[in-house]
């Protein structure tokens, strides 16, 4: 009896899937061509503003900055 119910459920499920795959949707697809990208412009455009900066303390000291803490914190 359980096998019969299982087969019936599978058949019904298969018929539902078949119906959904062949269901008329009324959609008429249209071809679309992508326009050429204008590139990166505006606020995100590449620039060289930071290339003119001067690094202070370059070559002075060893390693990153540090903090000296005494016994009072």
PDB file of N, CA and C in Angstrom:
ATOM      1  N   UNK A   1       0.821  -1.197   0.000  1.00  0.00           N
ATOM      2  CA  UNK A   1       0.000   0.000   0.000  1.00  0.00           C
ATOM      3  C   UNK A   1       0.866   1.262   0.000  1.00  0.00           C
ATOM      4  N   UNK A   2       1.966   1.243   0.789  1.00  0.00           N
ATOM      5  CA  UNK A   2       2.855   2.400   0.877  1.00  0.00           C
ATOM      6  C   UNK A   2       3.569   2.652  -0.451  1.00  0.00           C
ATOM      7  N   UNK A   3       3.945   1.561  -1.143  1.00  0.00           N
ATOM      8  CA  UNK A   3       4.589   1.712  -2.454  1.00  0.00           C
ATOM      9  C   UNK A   3       3.638   2.321  -3.469  1.00  0.00           C
ATOM     10  N   UNK A   4       2.372   1.968  -3.393  1.00  0.00           N
ATOM     11  CA  UNK A   4       1.376   2.507  -4.310  1.00  0.00           C
ATOM     12  C   UNK A   4       1.188   4.012  -4.085  1.00  0.00           C
ATOM     13  N   UNK A   5       1.153   4.419  -2.834  1.00  0.00           N
ATOM     14  CA  UNK A   5       1.014   5.851  -2.514  1.00  0.00           C
ATOM     15  C   UNK A   5       2.264   6.608  -2.970  1.00  0.00           C
ATOM     16  N   UNK A   6       3.440   6.024  -2.769  1.00  0.00           N
ATOM     17  CA  UNK A   6       4.690   6.651  -3.203  1.00  0.00           C
ATOM     18  C   UNK A   6       4.741   6.838  -4.704  1.00  0.00           C
ATOM     19  N   UNK A   7       4.313   5.815  -5.449  1.00  0.00           N
ATOM     20  CA  UNK A   7       4.290   5.923  -6.909  1.00  0.00           C
ATOM     21  C   UNK A   7       3.291   6.982  -7.357  1.00  0.00           C
ATOM     22  N   UNK A   8       2.141   7.047  -6.700  1.00  0.00           N
ATOM     23  CA  UNK A   8       1.121   8.042  -7.061  1.00  0.00           C
ATOM     24  C   UNK A   8       1.646   9.456  -6.818  1.00  0.00           C
ATOM     25  N   UNK A   9       2.325   9.647  -5.692  1.00  0.00           N
ATOM     26  CA  UNK A   9       2.896  10.980  -5.385  1.00  0.00           C
ATOM     27  C   UNK A   9       3.943  11.346  -6.423  1.00  0.00           C
ATOM     28  N   UNK A  10       4.807  10.405  -6.800  1.00  0.00           N
ATOM     29  CA  UNK A  10       5.823  10.690  -7.815  1.00  0.00           C
ATOM     30  C   UNK A  10       5.205  10.999  -9.168  1.00  0.00           C
ATOM     31  N   UNK A  11       4.179  10.291  -9.542  1.00  0.00           N
ATOM     32  CA  UNK A  11       3.510  10.547 -10.823  1.00  0.00           C
ATOM     33  C   UNK A  11       2.858  11.927 -10.810  1.00  0.00           C
ATOM     34  N   UNK A  12       2.179  12.253  -9.716  1.00  0.00           N
ATOM     35  CA  UNK A  12       1.543  13.580  -9.620  1.00  0.00           C
ATOM     36  C   UNK A  12       2.602  14.678  -9.644  1.00  0.00           C
ATOM     37  N   UNK A  13       3.684  14.476  -8.905  1.00  0.00           N
ATOM     38  CA  UNK A  13       4.768  15.460  -8.891  1.00  0.00           C
ATOM     39  C   UNK A  13       5.374  15.611 -10.293  1.00  0.00           C
ATOM     40  N   UNK A  14       5.578  14.498 -10.997  1.00  0.00           N
ATOM     41  CA  UNK A  14       6.107  14.547 -12.357  1.00  0.00           C
ATOM     42  C   UNK A  14       5.173  15.270 -13.308  1.00  0.00           C
ATOM     43  N   UNK A  15       3.866  15.045 -13.171  1.00  0.00           N
ATOM     44  CA  UNK A  15       2.896  15.746 -14.026  1.00  0.00           C
ATOM     45  C   UNK A  15       2.882  17.247 -13.749  1.00  0.00           C
ATOM     46  N   UNK A  16       3.023  17.610 -12.484  1.00  0.00           N
ATOM     47  CA  UNK A  16       3.074  19.046 -12.136  1.00  0.00           C
ATOM     48  C   UNK A  16       4.308  19.693 -12.749  1.00  0.00           C
ATOM     49  N   UNK A  17       5.449  19.028 -12.644  1.00  0.00           N
ATOM     50  CA  UNK A  17       6.691  19.561 -13.238  1.00  0.00           C
ATOM     51  C   UNK A  17       6.548  19.666 -14.748  1.00  0.00           C
ATOM     52  N   UNK A  18       6.007  18.674 -15.385  1.00  0.00           N
ATOM     53  CA  UNK A  18       5.800  18.694 -16.831  1.00  0.00           C
ATOM     54  C   UNK A  18       4.883  19.842 -17.229  1.00  0.00           C
ATOM     55  N   UNK A  19       3.815  20.042 -16.464  1.00  0.00           N
ATOM     56  CA  UNK A  19       2.890  21.140 -16.756  1.00  0.00           C
ATOM     57  C   UNK A  19       3.585  22.494 -16.617  1.00  0.00           C
ATOM     58  N   UNK A  20       4.371  22.676 -15.559  1.00  0.00           N
ATOM     59  CA  UNK A  20       5.049  23.961 -15.347  1.00  0.00           C
ATOM     60  C   UNK A  20       6.105  24.238 -16.415  1.00  0.00           C
ATOM     61  N   UNK A  21       6.730  23.180 -16.928  1.00  0.00           N
ATOM     62  CA  UNK A  21       7.740  23.371 -17.978  1.00  0.00           C
ATOM     63  C   UNK A  21       7.117  23.742 -19.319  1.00  0.00           C
ATOM     64  N   UNK A  22       5.890  23.338 -19.551  1.00  0.00           N
ATOM     65  CA  UNK A  22       5.243  23.598 -20.838  1.00  0.00           C
ATOM     66  C   UNK A  22       4.141  24.649 -20.739  1.00  0.00           C
ATOM     67  N   UNK A  23       4.003  25.279 -19.604  1.00  0.00           N
ATOM     68  CA  UNK A  23       2.953  26.256 -19.370  1.00  0.00           C
ATOM     69  C   UNK A  23       3.181  27.486 -20.249  1.00  0.00           C
ATOM     70  N   UNK A  24       2.189  27.924 -21.002  1.00  0.00           N
ATOM     71  CA  UNK A  24       2.381  29.130 -21.826  1.00  0.00           C
ATOM     72  C   UNK A  24       2.487  30.372 -20.939  1.00  0.00           C
ATOM     73  N   UNK A  25       3.521  31.149 -21.154  1.00  0.00           N
ATOM     74  CA  UNK A  25       3.760  32.302 -20.283  1.00  0.00           C
ATOM     75  C   UNK A  25       3.396  33.625 -20.939  1.00  0.00           C
ATOM     76  N   UNK A  26       3.322  33.696 -22.239  1.00  0.00           N
ATOM     77  CA  UNK A  26       3.019  34.958 -22.909  1.00  0.00           C
ATOM     78  C   UNK A  26       4.217  35.890 -22.994  1.00  0.00           C
ATOM     79  N   UNK A  27       5.401  35.379 -22.730  1.00  0.00           N
ATOM     80  CA  UNK A  27       6.606  36.204 -22.802  1.00  0.00           C
ATOM     81  C   UNK A  27       7.154  36.146 -24.214  1.00  0.00           C
ATOM     82  N   UNK A  28       7.435  37.324 -24.774  1.00  0.00           N
ATOM     83  CA  UNK A  28       8.011  37.403 -26.113  1.00  0.00           C
ATOM     84  C   UNK A  28       9.422  37.980 -25.973  1.00  0.00           C
ATOM     85  N   UNK A  29      10.453  37.156 -25.947  1.00  0.00           N
ATOM     86  CA  UNK A  29      11.814  37.655 -25.732  1.00  0.00           C
ATOM     87  C   UNK A  29      12.285  38.539 -26.886  1.00  0.00           C
ATOM     88  N   UNK A  30      13.054  39.561 -26.530  1.00  0.00           N
ATOM     89  CA  UNK A  30      13.578  40.508 -27.505  1.00  0.00           C
ATOM     90  C   UNK A  30      15.092  40.558 -27.346  1.00  0.00           C
ATOM     91  N   UNK A  31      15.806  40.587 -28.459  1.00  0.00           N
ATOM     92  CA  UNK A  31      17.263  40.674 -28.415  1.00  0.00           C
ATOM     93  C   UNK A  31      17.672  42.057 -27.942  1.00  0.00           C
ATOM     94  N   UNK A  32      18.714  42.102 -27.111  1.00  0.00           N
ATOM     95  CA  UNK A  32      19.210  43.372 -26.574  1.00  0.00           C
ATOM     96  C   UNK A  32      20.714  43.402 -26.734  1.00  0.00           C
ATOM     97  N   UNK A  33      21.233  44.494 -27.279  1.00  0.00           N
ATOM     98  CA  UNK A  33      22.677  44.624 -27.441  1.00  0.00           C
ATOM     99  C   UNK A  33      23.201  45.608 -26.410  1.00  0.00           C
ATOM    100  N   UNK A  34      24.279  45.245 -25.787  1.00  0.00           N
ATOM    101  CA  UNK A  34      24.902  46.044 -24.752  1.00  0.00           C
ATOM    102  C   UNK A  34      25.652  47.217 -25.386  1.00  0.00           C
ATOM    103  N   UNK A  35      25.454  48.418 -24.820  1.00  0.00           N
ATOM    104  CA  UNK A  35      26.178  49.587 -25.321  1.00  0.00           C
ATOM    105  C   UNK A  35      27.588  49.579 -24.748  1.00  0.00           C
ATOM    106  N   UNK A  36      28.517  50.214 -25.455  1.00  0.00           N
ATOM    107  CA  UNK A  36      29.901  50.267 -24.998  1.00  0.00           C
ATOM    108  C   UNK A  36      29.977  51.108 -23.730  1.00  0.00           C
ATOM    109  N   UNK A  37      30.751  50.636 -22.775  1.00  0.00           N
ATOM    110  CA  UNK A  37      30.917  51.323 -21.506  1.00  0.00           C
ATOM    111  C   UNK A  37      31.655  52.647 -21.706  1.00  0.00           C
ATOM    112  N   UNK A  38      31.220  53.738 -21.061  1.00  0.00           N
ATOM    113  CA  UNK A  38      31.918  55.016 -21.204  1.00  0.00           C
ATOM    114  C   UNK A  38      33.222  55.046 -20.427  1.00  0.00           C
ATOM    115  N   UNK A  39      33.513  54.020 -19.652  1.00  0.00           N
ATOM    116  CA  UNK A  39      34.734  53.988 -18.861  1.00  0.00           C
ATOM    117  C   UNK A  39      34.517  54.615 -17.496  1.00  0.00           C
ATOM    118  N   UNK A  40      35.580  54.699 -16.737  1.00  0.00           N
ATOM    119  CA  UNK A  40      35.485  55.262 -15.391  1.00  0.00           C
ATOM    120  C   UNK A  40      35.596  56.782 -15.502  1.00  0.00           C
ATOM    121  N   UNK A  41      34.528  57.483 -15.104  1.00  0.00           N
ATOM    122  CA  UNK A  41      34.507  58.940 -15.200  1.00  0.00           C
ATOM    123  C   UNK A  41      34.020  59.530 -13.887  1.00  0.00           C
ATOM    124  N   UNK A  42      34.116  60.834 -13.768  1.00  0.00           N
ATOM    125  CA  UNK A  42      33.595  61.520 -12.589  1.00  0.00           C
ATOM    126  C   UNK A  42      34.468  61.295 -11.363  1.00  0.00           C
ATOM    127  N   UNK A  43      33.834  61.060 -10.223  1.00  0.00           N
ATOM    128  CA  UNK A  43      34.550  60.897  -8.957  1.00  0.00           C
ATOM    129  C   UNK A  43      35.475  59.687  -8.947  1.00  0.00           C
ATOM    130  N   UNK A  44      35.209  58.691  -9.777  1.00  0.00           N
ATOM    131  CA  UNK A  44      35.986  57.458  -9.763  1.00  0.00           C
ATOM    132  C   UNK A  44      37.055  57.406 -10.854  1.00  0.00           C
ATOM    133  N   UNK A  45      37.245  58.491 -11.574  1.00  0.00           N
ATOM    134  CA  UNK A  45      38.249  58.517 -12.634  1.00  0.00           C
ATOM    135  C   UNK A  45      39.652  58.440 -12.032  1.00  0.00           C
ATOM    136  N   UNK A  46      40.574  57.755 -12.685  1.00  0.00           N
ATOM    137  CA  UNK A  46      41.941  57.669 -12.164  1.00  0.00           C
ATOM    138  C   UNK A  46      42.588  59.051 -12.121  1.00  0.00           C
ATOM    139  N   UNK A  47      43.414  59.296 -11.116  1.00  0.00           N
ATOM    140  CA  UNK A  47      44.143  60.555 -11.025  1.00  0.00           C
ATOM    141  C   UNK A  47      45.513  60.306 -10.413  1.00  0.00           C
ATOM    142  N   UNK A  48      46.371  61.303 -10.485  1.00  0.00           N
ATOM    143  CA  UNK A  48      47.727  61.206  -9.945  1.00  0.00           C
ATOM    144  C   UNK A  48      47.959  62.249  -8.861  1.00  0.00           C
ATOM    145  N   UNK A  49      46.928  62.640  -8.151  1.00  0.00           N
ATOM    146  CA  UNK A  49      47.058  63.694  -7.145  1.00  0.00           C
ATOM    147  C   UNK A  49      48.009  63.307  -6.015  1.00  0.00           C
ATOM    148  N   UNK A  50      48.037  62.066  -5.623  1.00  0.00           N
ATOM    149  CA  UNK A  50      48.892  61.656  -4.508  1.00  0.00           C
ATOM    150  C   UNK A  50      50.332  61.383  -4.926  1.00  0.00           C
ATOM    151  N   UNK A  51      50.635  61.406  -6.203  1.00  0.00           N
ATOM    152  CA  UNK A  51      52.006  61.139  -6.637  1.00  0.00           C
ATOM    153  C   UNK A  51      52.944  62.299  -6.308  1.00  0.00           C
ATOM    154  N   UNK A  52      52.400  63.483  -6.025  1.00  0.00           N
ATOM    155  CA  UNK A  52      53.221  64.657  -5.715  1.00  0.00           C
ATOM    156  C   UNK A  52      53.461  64.816  -4.222  1.00  0.00           C
ATOM    157  N   UNK A  53      52.964  63.901  -3.398  1.00  0.00           N
ATOM    158  CA  UNK A  53      53.102  64.045  -1.954  1.00  0.00           C
ATOM    159  C   UNK A  53      54.511  63.707  -1.505  1.00  0.00           C
ATOM    160  N   UNK A  54      54.876  64.242  -0.344  1.00  0.00           N
ATOM    161  CA  UNK A  54      56.185  63.986   0.234  1.00  0.00           C
ATOM    162  C   UNK A  54      55.979  63.169   1.510  1.00  0.00           C
ATOM    163  N   UNK A  55      56.742  62.124   1.674  1.00  0.00           N
ATOM    164  CA  UNK A  55      56.635  61.285   2.862  1.00  0.00           C
ATOM    165  C   UNK A  55      57.562  61.855   3.927  1.00  0.00           C
ATOM    166  N   UNK A  56      56.979  62.284   5.046  1.00  0.00           N
ATOM    167  CA  UNK A  56      57.765  62.837   6.144  1.00  0.00           C
ATOM    168  C   UNK A  56      58.417  61.717   6.943  1.00  0.00           C
ATOM    169  N   UNK A  57      59.660  61.881   7.296  1.00  0.00           N
ATOM    170  CA  UNK A  57      60.360  60.920   8.133  1.00  0.00           C
ATOM    171  C   UNK A  57      60.772  59.653   7.420  1.00  0.00           C
ATOM    172  N   UNK A  58      60.803  59.674   6.109  1.00  0.00           N
ATOM    173  CA  UNK A  58      61.187  58.469   5.376  1.00  0.00           C
ATOM    174  C   UNK A  58      62.659  58.163   5.659  1.00  0.00           C
ATOM    175  N   UNK A  59      62.919  56.916   6.073  1.00  0.00           N
ATOM    176  CA  UNK A  59      64.286  56.511   6.372  1.00  0.00           C
ATOM    177  C   UNK A  59      64.694  56.792   7.807  1.00  0.00           C
ATOM    178  N   UNK A  60      63.829  57.442   8.579  1.00  0.00           N
ATOM    179  CA  UNK A  60      64.148  57.737   9.974  1.00  0.00           C
ATOM    180  C   UNK A  60      63.503  56.677  10.871  1.00  0.00           C
ATOM    181  N   UNK A  61      64.259  56.120  11.751  1.00  0.00           N
ATOM    182  CA  UNK A  61      63.719  55.147  12.685  1.00  0.00           C
ATOM    183  C   UNK A  61      63.598  53.765  12.072  1.00  0.00           C
ATOM    184  N   UNK A  62      63.270  52.817  12.950  1.00  0.00           N
ATOM    185  CA  UNK A  62      63.131  51.435  12.526  1.00  0.00           C
ATOM    186  C   UNK A  62      61.742  50.956  12.926  1.00  0.00           C
ATOM    187  N   UNK A  63      60.982  50.437  12.004  1.00  0.00           N
ATOM    188  CA  UNK A  63      59.661  49.894  12.305  1.00  0.00           C
ATOM    189  C   UNK A  63      58.602  50.977  12.404  1.00  0.00           C
ATOM    190  N   UNK A  64      57.406  50.569  12.808  1.00  0.00           N
ATOM    191  CA  UNK A  64      56.302  51.508  12.889  1.00  0.00           C
ATOM    192  C   UNK A  64      56.391  52.373  14.149  1.00  0.00           C
ATOM    193  N   UNK A  65      55.491  53.347  14.246  1.00  0.00           N
ATOM    194  CA  UNK A  65      55.447  54.184  15.449  1.00  0.00           C
ATOM    195  C   UNK A  65      55.128  53.311  16.657  1.00  0.00           C
ATOM    196  N   UNK A  66      55.491  53.819  17.834  1.00  0.00           N
ATOM    197  CA  UNK A  66      55.156  53.092  19.047  1.00  0.00           C
ATOM    198  C   UNK A  66      54.748  54.087  20.125  1.00  0.00           C
ATOM    199  N   UNK A  67      54.225  53.574  21.212  1.00  0.00           N
ATOM    200  CA  UNK A  67      53.765  54.399  22.317  1.00  0.00           C
ATOM    201  C   UNK A  67      54.513  53.973  23.571  1.00  0.00           C
ATOM    202  N   UNK A  68      55.010  54.943  24.288  1.00  0.00           N
ATOM    203  CA  UNK A  68      55.705  54.639  25.540  1.00  0.00           C
ATOM    204  C   UNK A  68      54.725  54.815  26.685  1.00  0.00           C
ATOM    205  N   UNK A  69      54.510  53.765  27.461  1.00  0.00           N
ATOM    206  CA  UNK A  69      53.562  53.812  28.569  1.00  0.00           C
ATOM    207  C   UNK A  69      54.330  53.627  29.849  1.00  0.00           C
ATOM    208  N   UNK A  70      54.082  54.551  30.821  1.00  0.00           N
ATOM    209  CA  UNK A  70      54.738  54.406  32.116  1.00  0.00           C
ATOM    210  C   UNK A  70      53.836  53.681  33.099  1.00  0.00           C
ATOM    211  N   UNK A  71      54.241  53.614  34.373  1.00  0.00           N
ATOM    212  CA  UNK A  71      53.482  52.868  35.344  1.00  0.00           C
ATOM    213  C   UNK A  71      52.158  53.536  35.740  1.00  0.00           C
ATOM    214  N   UNK A  72      51.896  54.774  35.289  1.00  0.00           N
ATOM    215  CA  UNK A  72      50.613  55.436  35.538  1.00  0.00           C
ATOM    216  C   UNK A  72      49.656  55.322  34.344  1.00  0.00           C
ATOM    217  N   UNK A  73      50.015  54.565  33.360  1.00  0.00           N
ATOM    218  CA  UNK A  73      49.134  54.324  32.212  1.00  0.00           C
ATOM    219  C   UNK A  73      49.434  55.224  31.073  1.00  0.00           C
TER     220      UNK A  73
END
